[in-house]
ModelCIF file with pLDDT and N, C-alpha, C, O atoms, coordinates in Angstrom:
data_MODEL
#
_entry.id   MODEL 
#
_entity.id                         1 
_entity.type                       polymer 
_entity.pdbx_number_of_molecules   1 
#
_entity_poly.entity_id                      1 
_entity_poly.type                           'polypeptide(L)' 
_entity_poly.nstd_linkage                   no 
_entity_poly.nstd_monomer                   no 
_entity_poly.pdbx_seq_one_letter_code       LKSHVRLESYGTLDELNSTIGLAISLISSHDKKEELEKYLKDILFEIQ 
_entity_poly.pdbx_seq_one_letter_code_can   LKSHVRLESYGTLDELNSTIGLAISLISSHDKKEELEKYLKDILFEIQ 
_entity_poly.pdbx_strand_id                 A 
#
loop_
_entity_poly_seq.entity_id 
_entity_poly_seq.num 
_entity_poly_seq.mon_id 
_entity_poly_seq.hetero 
1 1  LEU n 
1 2  LYS n 
1 3  SER n 
1 4  HIS n 
1 5  VAL n 
1 6  ARG n 
1 7  LEU n 
1 8  GLU n 
1 9  SER n 
1 10 TYR n 
1 11 GLY n 
1 12 THR n 
1 13 LEU n 
1 14 ASP n 
1 15 GLU n 
1 16 LEU n 
1 17 ASN n 
1 18 SER n 
1 19 THR n 
1 20 ILE n 
1 21 GLY n 
1 22 LEU n 
1 23 ALA n 
1 24 ILE n 
1 25 SER n 
1 26 LEU n 
1 27 ILE n 
1 28 SER n 
1 29 SER n 
1 30 HIS n 
1 31 ASP n 
1 32 LYS n 
1 33 LYS n 
1 34 GLU n 
1 35 GLU n 
1 36 LEU n 
1 37 GLU n 
1 38 LYS n 
1 39 TYR n 
1 40 LEU n 
1 41 LYS n 
1 42 ASP n 
1 43 ILE n 
1 44 LEU n 
1 45 PHE n 
1 46 GLU n 
1 47 ILE n 
1 48 GLN n 
#
_struct_asym.id          A 
_struct_asym.entity_id   1 
#
loop_
_ma_qa_metric.id 
_ma_qa_metric.mode 
_ma_qa_metric.name 
_ma_qa_metric.software_group_id 
_ma_qa_metric.type 
1 global pLDDT . pLDDT 
2 local  pLDDT . pLDDT 
#
_ma_qa_metric_global.metric_id      1 
_ma_qa_metric_global.metric_value   94.40 
_ma_qa_metric_global.model_id       1 
_ma_qa_metric_global.ordinal_id     1 
#
loop_
_ma_qa_metric_local.label_asym_id 
_ma_qa_metric_local.label_comp_id 
_ma_qa_metric_local.label_seq_id 
_ma_qa_metric_local.metric_id 
_ma_qa_metric_local.metric_value 
_ma_qa_metric_local.model_id 
_ma_qa_metric_local.ordinal_id 
A LEU 1  2 85.00 1 1  
A LYS 2  2 86.00 1 2  
A SER 3  2 87.00 1 3  
A HIS 4  2 91.00 1 4  
A VAL 5  2 94.00 1 5  
A ARG 6  2 91.00 1 6  
A LEU 7  2 93.00 1 7  
A GLU 8  2 96.00 1 8  
A SER 9  2 96.00 1 9  
A TYR 10 2 95.00 1 10 
A GLY 11 2 96.00 1 11 
A THR 12 2 98.00 1 12 
A LEU 13 2 98.00 1 13 
A ASP 14 2 97.00 1 14 
A GLU 15 2 98.00 1 15 
A LEU 16 2 98.00 1 16 
A ASN 17 2 98.00 1 17 
A SER 18 2 98.00 1 18 
A THR 19 2 98.00 1 19 
A ILE 20 2 98.00 1 20 
A GLY 21 2 98.00 1 21 
A LEU 22 2 98.00 1 22 
A ALA 23 2 97.00 1 23 
A ILE 24 2 97.00 1 24 
A SER 25 2 96.00 1 25 
A LEU 26 2 96.00 1 26 
A ILE 27 2 96.00 1 27 
A SER 28 2 93.00 1 28 
A SER 29 2 91.00 1 29 
A HIS 30 2 91.00 1 30 
A ASP 31 2 90.00 1 31 
A LYS 32 2 91.00 1 32 
A LYS 33 2 90.00 1 33 
A GLU 34 2 93.00 1 34 
A GLU 35 2 90.00 1 35 
A LEU 36 2 92.00 1 36 
A GLU 37 2 92.00 1 37 
A LYS 38 2 91.00 1 38 
A TYR 39 2 93.00 1 39 
A LEU 40 2 96.00 1 40 
A LYS 41 2 92.00 1 41 
A ASP 42 2 94.00 1 42 
A ILE 43 2 96.00 1 43 
A LEU 44 2 97.00 1 44 
A PHE 45 2 97.00 1 45 
A GLU 46 2 97.00 1 46 
A ILE 47 2 98.00 1 47 
A GLN 48 2 98.00 1 48 
#
loop_
_atom_site.group_PDB 
_atom_site.id 
_atom_site.type_symbol 
_atom_site.label_atom_id 
_atom_site.label_alt_id 
_atom_site.label_comp_id 
_atom_site.label_asym_id 
_atom_site.label_entity_id 
_atom_site.label_seq_id 
_atom_site.pdbx_PDB_ins_code 
_atom_site.Cartn_x 
_atom_site.Cartn_y 
_atom_site.Cartn_z 
_atom_site.occupancy 
_atom_site.B_iso_or_equiv 
_atom_site.pdbx_formal_charge 
_atom_site.auth_seq_id 
_atom_site.auth_comp_id 
_atom_site.auth_asym_id 
_atom_site.auth_atom_id 
_atom_site.pdbx_PDB_model_num 
ATOM 1   N N  . LEU A 1 1  ? 0.838  -1.195 0.000  1.00 85.00 ? 1  LEU A N  1 
ATOM 2   C CA . LEU A 1 1  ? 0.000  0.000  0.000  1.00 85.00 ? 1  LEU A CA 1 
ATOM 3   C C  . LEU A 1 1  ? 0.876  1.250  0.000  1.00 85.00 ? 1  LEU A C  1 
ATOM 4   O O  . LEU A 1 1  ? 1.951  1.266  0.601  1.00 85.00 ? 1  LEU A O  1 
ATOM 5   N N  . LYS A 1 2  ? 0.418  2.271  -0.665 1.00 86.00 ? 2  LYS A N  1 
ATOM 6   C CA . LYS A 1 2  ? 1.167  3.530  -0.699 1.00 86.00 ? 2  LYS A CA 1 
ATOM 7   C C  . LYS A 1 2  ? 1.214  4.203  0.667  1.00 86.00 ? 2  LYS A C  1 
ATOM 8   O O  . LYS A 1 2  ? 2.016  5.110  0.886  1.00 86.00 ? 2  LYS A O  1 
ATOM 9   N N  . SER A 1 3  ? 0.359  3.763  1.587  1.00 87.00 ? 3  SER A N  1 
ATOM 10  C CA . SER A 1 3  ? 0.356  4.308  2.937  1.00 87.00 ? 3  SER A CA 1 
ATOM 11  C C  . SER A 1 3  ? 1.298  3.549  3.877  1.00 87.00 ? 3  SER A C  1 
ATOM 12  O O  . SER A 1 3  ? 1.386  3.894  5.056  1.00 87.00 ? 3  SER A O  1 
ATOM 13  N N  . HIS A 1 4  ? 1.992  2.537  3.392  1.00 91.00 ? 4  HIS A N  1 
ATOM 14  C CA . HIS A 1 4  ? 2.894  1.730  4.211  1.00 91.00 ? 4  HIS A CA 1 
ATOM 15  C C  . HIS A 1 4  ? 4.040  2.592  4.743  1.00 91.00 ? 4  HIS A C  1 
ATOM 16  O O  . HIS A 1 4  ? 4.512  3.496  4.054  1.00 91.00 ? 4  HIS A O  1 
ATOM 17  N N  . VAL A 1 5  ? 4.480  2.313  5.960  1.00 94.00 ? 5  VAL A N  1 
ATOM 18  C CA . VAL A 1 5  ? 5.551  3.098  6.573  1.00 94.00 ? 5  VAL A CA 1 
ATOM 19  C C  . VAL A 1 5  ? 6.833  3.041  5.736  1.00 94.00 ? 5  VAL A C  1 
ATOM 20  O O  . VAL A 1 5  ? 7.619  3.988  5.757  1.00 94.00 ? 5  VAL A O  1 
ATOM 21  N N  . ARG A 1 6  ? 7.054  1.958  5.009  1.00 91.00 ? 6  ARG A N  1 
ATOM 22  C CA . ARG A 1 6  ? 8.249  1.875  4.159  1.00 91.00 ? 6  ARG A CA 1 
ATOM 23  C C  . ARG A 1 6  ? 8.194  2.938  3.055  1.00 91.00 ? 6  ARG A C  1 
ATOM 24  O O  . ARG A 1 6  ? 9.200  3.584  2.761  1.00 91.00 ? 6  ARG A O  1 
ATOM 25  N N  . LEU A 1 7  ? 7.025  3.115  2.453  1.00 93.00 ? 7  LEU A N  1 
ATOM 26  C CA . LEU A 1 7  ? 6.894  4.152  1.433  1.00 93.00 ? 7  LEU A CA 1 
ATOM 27  C C  . LEU A 1 7  ? 7.004  5.546  2.045  1.00 93.00 ? 7  LEU A C  1 
ATOM 28  O O  . LEU A 1 7  ? 7.580  6.462  1.459  1.00 93.00 ? 7  LEU A O  1 
ATOM 29  N N  . GLU A 1 8  ? 6.438  5.674  3.230  1.00 96.00 ? 8  GLU A N  1 
ATOM 30  C CA . GLU A 1 8  ? 6.549  6.955  3.936  1.00 96.00 ? 8  GLU A CA 1 
ATOM 31  C C  . GLU A 1 8  ? 8.021  7.282  4.194  1.00 96.00 ? 8  GLU A C  1 
ATOM 32  O O  . GLU A 1 8  ? 8.419  8.446  4.132  1.00 96.00 ? 8  GLU A O  1 
ATOM 33  N N  . SER A 1 9  ? 8.825  6.265  4.481  1.00 96.00 ? 9  SER A N  1 
ATOM 34  C CA . SER A 1 9  ? 10.248 6.495  4.773  1.00 96.00 ? 9  SER A CA 1 
ATOM 35  C C  . SER A 1 9  ? 10.986 7.051  3.561  1.00 96.00 ? 9  SER A C  1 
ATOM 36  O O  . SER A 1 9  ? 11.681 8.061  3.668  1.00 96.00 ? 9  SER A O  1 
ATOM 37  N N  . TYR A 1 10 ? 10.842 6.405  2.421  1.00 95.00 ? 10 TYR A N  1 
ATOM 38  C CA . TYR A 1 10 ? 11.601 6.926  1.276  1.00 95.00 ? 10 TYR A CA 1 
ATOM 39  C C  . TYR A 1 10 ? 10.877 8.061  0.565  1.00 95.00 ? 10 TYR A C  1 
ATOM 40  O O  . TYR A 1 10 ? 11.508 8.839  -0.151 1.00 95.00 ? 10 TYR A O  1 
ATOM 41  N N  . GLY A 1 11 ? 9.566  8.171  0.748  1.00 96.00 ? 11 GLY A N  1 
ATOM 42  C CA . GLY A 1 11 ? 8.850  9.337  0.232  1.00 96.00 ? 11 GLY A CA 1 
ATOM 43  C C  . GLY A 1 11 ? 9.270  10.606 0.957  1.00 96.00 ? 11 GLY A C  1 
ATOM 44  O O  . GLY A 1 11 ? 9.377  11.672 0.349  1.00 96.00 ? 11 GLY A O  1 
ATOM 45  N N  . THR A 1 12 ? 9.508  10.487 2.256  1.00 98.00 ? 12 THR A N  1 
ATOM 46  C CA . THR A 1 12 ? 9.964  11.641 3.029  1.00 98.00 ? 12 THR A CA 1 
ATOM 47  C C  . THR A 1 12 ? 11.398 12.007 2.650  1.00 98.00 ? 12 THR A C  1 
ATOM 48  O O  . THR A 1 12 ? 11.758 13.184 2.652  1.00 98.00 ? 12 THR A O  1 
ATOM 49  N N  . LEU A 1 13 ? 12.213 11.012 2.329  1.00 98.00 ? 13 LEU A N  1 
ATOM 50  C CA . LEU A 1 13 ? 13.559 11.312 1.820  1.00 98.00 ? 13 LEU A CA 1 
ATOM 51  C C  . LEU A 1 13 ? 13.478 12.093 0.514  1.00 98.00 ? 13 LEU A C  1 
ATOM 52  O O  . LEU A 1 13 ? 14.272 13.003 0.277  1.00 98.00 ? 13 LEU A O  1 
ATOM 53  N N  . ASP A 1 14 ? 12.517 11.733 -0.328 1.00 97.00 ? 14 ASP A N  1 
ATOM 54  C CA . ASP A 1 14 ? 12.314 12.445 -1.590 1.00 97.00 ? 14 ASP A CA 1 
ATOM 55  C C  . ASP A 1 14 ? 11.901 13.898 -1.326 1.00 97.00 ? 14 ASP A C  1 
ATOM 56  O O  . ASP A 1 14 ? 12.378 14.818 -1.990 1.00 97.00 ? 14 ASP A O  1 
ATOM 57  N N  . GLU A 1 15 ? 11.019 14.089 -0.361 1.00 98.00 ? 15 GLU A N  1 
ATOM 58  C CA . GLU A 1 15 ? 10.611 15.446 0.022  1.00 98.00 ? 15 GLU A CA 1 
ATOM 59  C C  . GLU A 1 15 ? 11.816 16.244 0.536  1.00 98.00 ? 15 GLU A C  1 
ATOM 60  O O  . GLU A 1 15 ? 11.989 17.411 0.186  1.00 98.00 ? 15 GLU A O  1 
ATOM 61  N N  . LEU A 1 16 ? 12.634 15.613 1.357  1.00 98.00 ? 16 LEU A N  1 
ATOM 62  C CA . LEU A 1 16 ? 13.843 16.250 1.861  1.00 98.00 ? 16 LEU A CA 1 
ATOM 63  C C  . LEU A 1 16 ? 14.780 16.619 0.717  1.00 98.00 ? 16 LEU A C  1 
ATOM 64  O O  . LEU A 1 16 ? 15.309 17.730 0.667  1.00 98.00 ? 16 LEU A O  1 
ATOM 65  N N  . ASN A 1 17 ? 14.978 15.678 -0.200 1.00 98.00 ? 17 ASN A N  1 
ATOM 66  C CA . ASN A 1 17 ? 15.863 15.904 -1.339 1.00 98.00 ? 17 ASN A CA 1 
ATOM 67  C C  . ASN A 1 17 ? 15.364 17.068 -2.193 1.00 98.00 ? 17 ASN A C  1 
ATOM 68  O O  . ASN A 1 17 ? 16.159 17.884 -2.659 1.00 98.00 ? 17 ASN A O  1 
ATOM 69  N N  . SER A 1 18 ? 14.067 17.141 -2.396 1.00 98.00 ? 18 SER A N  1 
ATOM 70  C CA . SER A 1 18 ? 13.490 18.238 -3.191 1.00 98.00 ? 18 SER A CA 1 
ATOM 71  C C  . SER A 1 18 ? 13.668 19.582 -2.494 1.00 98.00 ? 18 SER A C  1 
ATOM 72  O O  . SER A 1 18 ? 13.907 20.597 -3.148 1.00 98.00 ? 18 SER A O  1 
ATOM 73  N N  . THR A 1 19 ? 13.554 19.588 -1.188 1.00 98.00 ? 19 THR A N  1 
ATOM 74  C CA . THR A 1 19 ? 13.733 20.832 -0.441 1.00 98.00 ? 19 THR A CA 1 
ATOM 75  C C  . THR A 1 19 ? 15.186 21.289 -0.511 1.00 98.00 ? 19 THR A C  1 
ATOM 76  O O  . THR A 1 19 ? 15.458 22.483 -0.634 1.00 98.00 ? 19 THR A O  1 
ATOM 77  N N  . ILE A 1 20 ? 16.111 20.349 -0.433 1.00 98.00 ? 20 ILE A N  1 
ATOM 78  C CA . ILE A 1 20 ? 17.528 20.702 -0.609 1.00 98.00 ? 20 ILE A CA 1 
ATOM 79  C C  . ILE A 1 20 ? 17.753 21.234 -2.026 1.00 98.00 ? 20 ILE A C  1 
ATOM 80  O O  . ILE A 1 20 ? 18.519 22.177 -2.220 1.00 98.00 ? 20 ILE A O  1 
ATOM 81  N N  . GLY A 1 21 ? 17.090 20.633 -3.010 1.00 98.00 ? 21 GLY A N  1 
ATOM 82  C CA . GLY A 1 21 ? 17.171 21.138 -4.386 1.00 98.00 ? 21 GLY A CA 1 
ATOM 83  C C  . GLY A 1 21 ? 16.676 22.575 -4.488 1.00 98.00 ? 21 GLY A C  1 
ATOM 84  O O  . GLY A 1 21 ? 17.265 23.386 -5.203 1.00 98.00 ? 21 GLY A O  1 
ATOM 85  N N  . LEU A 1 22 ? 15.599 22.893 -3.779 1.00 98.00 ? 22 LEU A N  1 
ATOM 86  C CA . LEU A 1 22 ? 15.102 24.266 -3.752 1.00 98.00 ? 22 LEU A CA 1 
ATOM 87  C C  . LEU A 1 22 ? 16.152 25.195 -3.149 1.00 98.00 ? 22 LEU A C  1 
ATOM 88  O O  . LEU A 1 22 ? 16.400 26.278 -3.679 1.00 98.00 ? 22 LEU A O  1 
ATOM 89  N N  . ALA A 1 23 ? 16.766 24.781 -2.054 1.00 97.00 ? 23 ALA A N  1 
ATOM 90  C CA . ALA A 1 23 ? 17.803 25.609 -1.429 1.00 97.00 ? 23 ALA A CA 1 
ATOM 91  C C  . ALA A 1 23 ? 18.979 25.832 -2.378 1.00 97.00 ? 23 ALA A C  1 
ATOM 92  O O  . ALA A 1 23 ? 19.518 26.936 -2.456 1.00 97.00 ? 23 ALA A O  1 
ATOM 93  N N  . ILE A 1 24 ? 19.371 24.795 -3.087 1.00 97.00 ? 24 ILE A N  1 
ATOM 94  C CA . ILE A 1 24 ? 20.466 24.925 -4.064 1.00 97.00 ? 24 ILE A CA 1 
ATOM 95  C C  . ILE A 1 24 ? 20.091 25.939 -5.137 1.00 97.00 ? 24 ILE A C  1 
ATOM 96  O O  . ILE A 1 24 ? 20.921 26.758 -5.532 1.00 97.00 ? 24 ILE A O  1 
ATOM 97  N N  . SER A 1 25 ? 18.840 25.892 -5.615 1.00 96.00 ? 25 SER A N  1 
ATOM 98  C CA . SER A 1 25 ? 18.423 26.838 -6.647 1.00 96.00 ? 25 SER A CA 1 
ATOM 99  C C  . SER A 1 25 ? 18.406 28.270 -6.113 1.00 96.00 ? 25 SER A C  1 
ATOM 100 O O  . SER A 1 25 ? 18.702 29.212 -6.849 1.00 96.00 ? 25 SER A O  1 
ATOM 101 N N  . LEU A 1 26 ? 18.063 28.433 -4.842 1.00 96.00 ? 26 LEU A N  1 
ATOM 102 C CA . LEU A 1 26 ? 18.103 29.771 -4.243 1.00 96.00 ? 26 LEU A CA 1 
ATOM 103 C C  . LEU A 1 26 ? 19.541 30.275 -4.144 1.00 96.00 ? 26 LEU A C  1 
ATOM 104 O O  . LEU A 1 26 ? 19.810 31.456 -4.360 1.00 96.00 ? 26 LEU A O  1 
ATOM 105 N N  . ILE A 1 27 ? 20.453 29.375 -3.818 1.00 96.00 ? 27 ILE A N  1 
ATOM 106 C CA . ILE A 1 27 ? 21.876 29.755 -3.769 1.00 96.00 ? 27 ILE A CA 1 
ATOM 107 C C  . ILE A 1 27 ? 22.358 30.173 -5.147 1.00 96.00 ? 27 ILE A C  1 
ATOM 108 O O  . ILE A 1 27 ? 23.076 31.165 -5.279 1.00 96.00 ? 27 ILE A O  1 
ATOM 109 N N  . SER A 1 28 ? 21.970 29.424 -6.179 1.00 93.00 ? 28 SER A N  1 
ATOM 110 C CA . SER A 1 28 ? 22.497 29.687 -7.527 1.00 93.00 ? 28 SER A CA 1 
ATOM 111 C C  . SER A 1 28 ? 22.042 31.024 -8.100 1.00 93.00 ? 28 SER A C  1 
ATOM 112 O O  . SER A 1 28 ? 22.642 31.529 -9.049 1.00 93.00 ? 28 SER A O  1 
ATOM 113 N N  . SER A 1 29 ? 20.983 31.601 -7.529 1.00 91.00 ? 29 SER A N  1 
ATOM 114 C CA . SER A 1 29 ? 20.530 32.904 -8.031 1.00 91.00 ? 29 SER A CA 1 
ATOM 115 C C  . SER A 1 29 ? 20.782 34.029 -7.026 1.00 91.00 ? 29 SER A C  1 
ATOM 116 O O  . SER A 1 29 ? 20.249 35.128 -7.180 1.00 91.00 ? 29 SER A O  1 
ATOM 117 N N  . HIS A 1 30 ? 21.587 33.761 -6.006 1.00 91.00 ? 30 HIS A N  1 
ATOM 118 C CA . HIS A 1 30 ? 21.837 34.742 -4.950 1.00 91.00 ? 30 HIS A CA 1 
ATOM 119 C C  . HIS A 1 30 ? 23.074 35.574 -5.265 1.00 91.00 ? 30 HIS A C  1 
ATOM 120 O O  . HIS A 1 30 ? 23.990 35.097 -5.935 1.00 91.00 ? 30 HIS A O  1 
ATOM 121 N N  . ASP A 1 31 ? 23.104 36.816 -4.786 1.00 90.00 ? 31 ASP A N  1 
ATOM 122 C CA . ASP A 1 31 ? 24.267 37.663 -5.046 1.00 90.00 ? 31 ASP A CA 1 
ATOM 123 C C  . ASP A 1 31 ? 25.512 37.195 -4.284 1.00 90.00 ? 31 ASP A C  1 
ATOM 124 O O  . ASP A 1 31 ? 26.619 37.617 -4.619 1.00 90.00 ? 31 ASP A O  1 
ATOM 125 N N  . LYS A 1 32 ? 25.366 36.350 -3.288 1.00 91.00 ? 32 LYS A N  1 
ATOM 126 C CA . LYS A 1 32 ? 26.496 35.758 -2.558 1.00 91.00 ? 32 LYS A CA 1 
ATOM 127 C C  . LYS A 1 32 ? 26.777 34.334 -3.052 1.00 91.00 ? 32 LYS A C  1 
ATOM 128 O O  . LYS A 1 32 ? 27.366 33.520 -2.341 1.00 91.00 ? 32 LYS A O  1 
ATOM 129 N N  . LYS A 1 33 ? 26.345 34.056 -4.273 1.00 90.00 ? 33 LYS A N  1 
ATOM 130 C CA . LYS A 1 33 ? 26.437 32.716 -4.859 1.00 90.00 ? 33 LYS A CA 1 
ATOM 131 C C  . LYS A 1 33 ? 27.842 32.121 -4.750 1.00 90.00 ? 33 LYS A C  1 
ATOM 132 O O  . LYS A 1 33 ? 27.998 30.972 -4.338 1.00 90.00 ? 33 LYS A O  1 
ATOM 133 N N  . GLU A 1 34 ? 28.851 32.890 -5.113 1.00 93.00 ? 34 GLU A N  1 
ATOM 134 C CA . GLU A 1 34 ? 30.207 32.335 -5.142 1.00 93.00 ? 34 GLU A CA 1 
ATOM 135 C C  . GLU A 1 34 ? 30.667 31.877 -3.769 1.00 93.00 ? 34 GLU A C  1 
ATOM 136 O O  . GLU A 1 34 ? 31.226 30.789 -3.634 1.00 93.00 ? 34 GLU A O  1 
ATOM 137 N N  . GLU A 1 35 ? 30.436 32.695 -2.747 1.00 90.00 ? 35 GLU A N  1 
ATOM 138 C CA . GLU A 1 35 ? 30.875 32.319 -1.404 1.00 90.00 ? 35 GLU A CA 1 
ATOM 139 C C  . GLU A 1 35 ? 30.075 31.129 -0.876 1.00 90.00 ? 35 GLU A C  1 
ATOM 140 O O  . GLU A 1 35 ? 30.636 30.215 -0.272 1.00 90.00 ? 35 GLU A O  1 
ATOM 141 N N  . LEU A 1 36 ? 28.770 31.146 -1.106 1.00 92.00 ? 36 LEU A N  1 
ATOM 142 C CA . LEU A 1 36 ? 27.934 30.038 -0.644 1.00 92.00 ? 36 LEU A CA 1 
ATOM 143 C C  . LEU A 1 36 ? 28.299 28.744 -1.363 1.00 92.00 ? 36 LEU A C  1 
ATOM 144 O O  . LEU A 1 36 ? 28.431 27.698 -0.727 1.00 92.00 ? 36 LEU A O  1 
ATOM 145 N N  . GLU A 1 37 ? 28.461 28.805 -2.671 1.00 92.00 ? 37 GLU A N  1 
ATOM 146 C CA . GLU A 1 37 ? 28.807 27.597 -3.435 1.00 92.00 ? 37 GLU A CA 1 
ATOM 147 C C  . GLU A 1 37 ? 30.181 27.067 -3.071 1.00 92.00 ? 37 GLU A C  1 
ATOM 148 O O  . GLU A 1 37 ? 30.404 25.856 -3.075 1.00 92.00 ? 37 GLU A O  1 
ATOM 149 N N  . LYS A 1 38 ? 31.105 27.969 -2.756 1.00 91.00 ? 38 LYS A N  1 
ATOM 150 C CA . LYS A 1 38 ? 32.456 27.564 -2.376 1.00 91.00 ? 38 LYS A CA 1 
ATOM 151 C C  . LYS A 1 38 ? 32.418 26.558 -1.216 1.00 91.00 ? 38 LYS A C  1 
ATOM 152 O O  . LYS A 1 38 ? 33.170 25.584 -1.204 1.00 91.00 ? 38 LYS A O  1 
ATOM 153 N N  . TYR A 1 39 ? 31.555 26.803 -0.269 1.00 93.00 ? 39 TYR A N  1 
ATOM 154 C CA . TYR A 1 39 ? 31.478 25.953 0.915  1.00 93.00 ? 39 TYR A CA 1 
ATOM 155 C C  . TYR A 1 39 ? 30.424 24.850 0.833  1.00 93.00 ? 39 TYR A C  1 
ATOM 156 O O  . TYR A 1 39 ? 30.542 23.827 1.509  1.00 93.00 ? 39 TYR A O  1 
ATOM 157 N N  . LEU A 1 40 ? 29.396 25.053 0.012  1.00 96.00 ? 40 LEU A N  1 
ATOM 158 C CA . LEU A 1 40 ? 28.231 24.177 0.100  1.00 96.00 ? 40 LEU A CA 1 
ATOM 159 C C  . LEU A 1 40 ? 27.928 23.327 -1.123 1.00 96.00 ? 40 LEU A C  1 
ATOM 160 O O  . LEU A 1 40 ? 27.351 22.248 -0.987 1.00 96.00 ? 40 LEU A O  1 
ATOM 161 N N  . LYS A 1 41 ? 28.299 23.779 -2.309 1.00 92.00 ? 41 LYS A N  1 
ATOM 162 C CA . LYS A 1 41 ? 27.838 23.117 -3.536 1.00 92.00 ? 41 LYS A CA 1 
ATOM 163 C C  . LYS A 1 41 ? 28.156 21.621 -3.557 1.00 92.00 ? 41 LYS A C  1 
ATOM 164 O O  . LYS A 1 41 ? 27.262 20.802 -3.772 1.00 92.00 ? 41 LYS A O  1 
ATOM 165 N N  . ASP A 1 42 ? 29.406 21.264 -3.338 1.00 94.00 ? 42 ASP A N  1 
ATOM 166 C CA . ASP A 1 42 ? 29.800 19.856 -3.441 1.00 94.00 ? 42 ASP A CA 1 
ATOM 167 C C  . ASP A 1 42 ? 29.079 18.987 -2.418 1.00 94.00 ? 42 ASP A C  1 
ATOM 168 O O  . ASP A 1 42 ? 28.555 17.926 -2.759 1.00 94.00 ? 42 ASP A O  1 
ATOM 169 N N  . ILE A 1 43 ? 29.050 19.433 -1.171 1.00 96.00 ? 43 ILE A N  1 
ATOM 170 C CA . ILE A 1 43 ? 28.435 18.612 -0.121 1.00 96.00 ? 43 ILE A CA 1 
ATOM 171 C C  . ILE A 1 43 ? 26.939 18.449 -0.359 1.00 96.00 ? 43 ILE A C  1 
ATOM 172 O O  . ILE A 1 43 ? 26.385 17.382 -0.095 1.00 96.00 ? 43 ILE A O  1 
ATOM 173 N N  . LEU A 1 44 ? 26.276 19.498 -0.856 1.00 97.00 ? 44 LEU A N  1 
ATOM 174 C CA . LEU A 1 44 ? 24.831 19.411 -1.072 1.00 97.00 ? 44 LEU A CA 1 
ATOM 175 C C  . LEU A 1 44 ? 24.486 18.436 -2.189 1.00 97.00 ? 44 LEU A C  1 
ATOM 176 O O  . LEU A 1 44 ? 23.521 17.681 -2.073 1.00 97.00 ? 44 LEU A O  1 
ATOM 177 N N  . PHE A 1 45 ? 25.260 18.442 -3.265 1.00 97.00 ? 45 PHE A N  1 
ATOM 178 C CA . PHE A 1 45 ? 25.010 17.480 -4.336 1.00 97.00 ? 45 PHE A CA 1 
ATOM 179 C C  . PHE A 1 45 ? 25.335 16.050 -3.877 1.00 97.00 ? 45 PHE A C  1 
ATOM 180 O O  . PHE A 1 45 ? 24.656 15.102 -4.273 1.00 97.00 ? 45 PHE A O  1 
ATOM 181 N N  . GLU A 1 46 ? 26.366 15.899 -3.047 1.00 97.00 ? 46 GLU A N  1 
ATOM 182 C CA . GLU A 1 46 ? 26.674 14.579 -2.490 1.00 97.00 ? 46 GLU A CA 1 
ATOM 183 C C  . GLU A 1 46 ? 25.500 14.082 -1.643 1.00 97.00 ? 46 GLU A C  1 
ATOM 184 O O  . GLU A 1 46 ? 25.109 12.919 -1.735 1.00 97.00 ? 46 GLU A O  1 
ATOM 185 N N  . ILE A 1 47 ? 24.950 14.962 -0.829 1.00 98.00 ? 47 ILE A N  1 
ATOM 186 C CA . ILE A 1 47 ? 23.820 14.586 0.025  1.00 98.00 ? 47 ILE A CA 1 
ATOM 187 C C  . ILE A 1 47 ? 22.622 14.195 -0.818 1.00 98.00 ? 47 ILE A C  1 
ATOM 188 O O  . ILE A 1 47 ? 21.940 13.217 -0.512 1.00 98.00 ? 47 ILE A O  1 
ATOM 189 N N  . GLN A 1 48 ? 22.357 14.950 -1.882 1.00 98.00 ? 48 GLN A N  1 
ATOM 190 C CA . GLN A 1 48 ? 21.223 14.589 -2.742 1.00 98.00 ? 48 GLN A CA 1 
ATOM 191 C C  . GLN A 1 48 ? 21.411 13.183 -3.314 1.00 98.00 ? 48 GLN A C  1 
ATOM 192 O O  . GLN A 1 48 ? 20.560 12.702 -4.062 1.00 98.00 ? 48 GLN A O  1 
#
């Protein structure tokens, strides 16, 4: 069932991953993009 806790577990990971993707997109259009990406870009893509 789509309501099974197993689906909830990886569905929530997908929600988390999408939210991190949103944060990455906000960084990429920010005026402090270079400094933020310097420290965060690699680790965030690894986490995704």
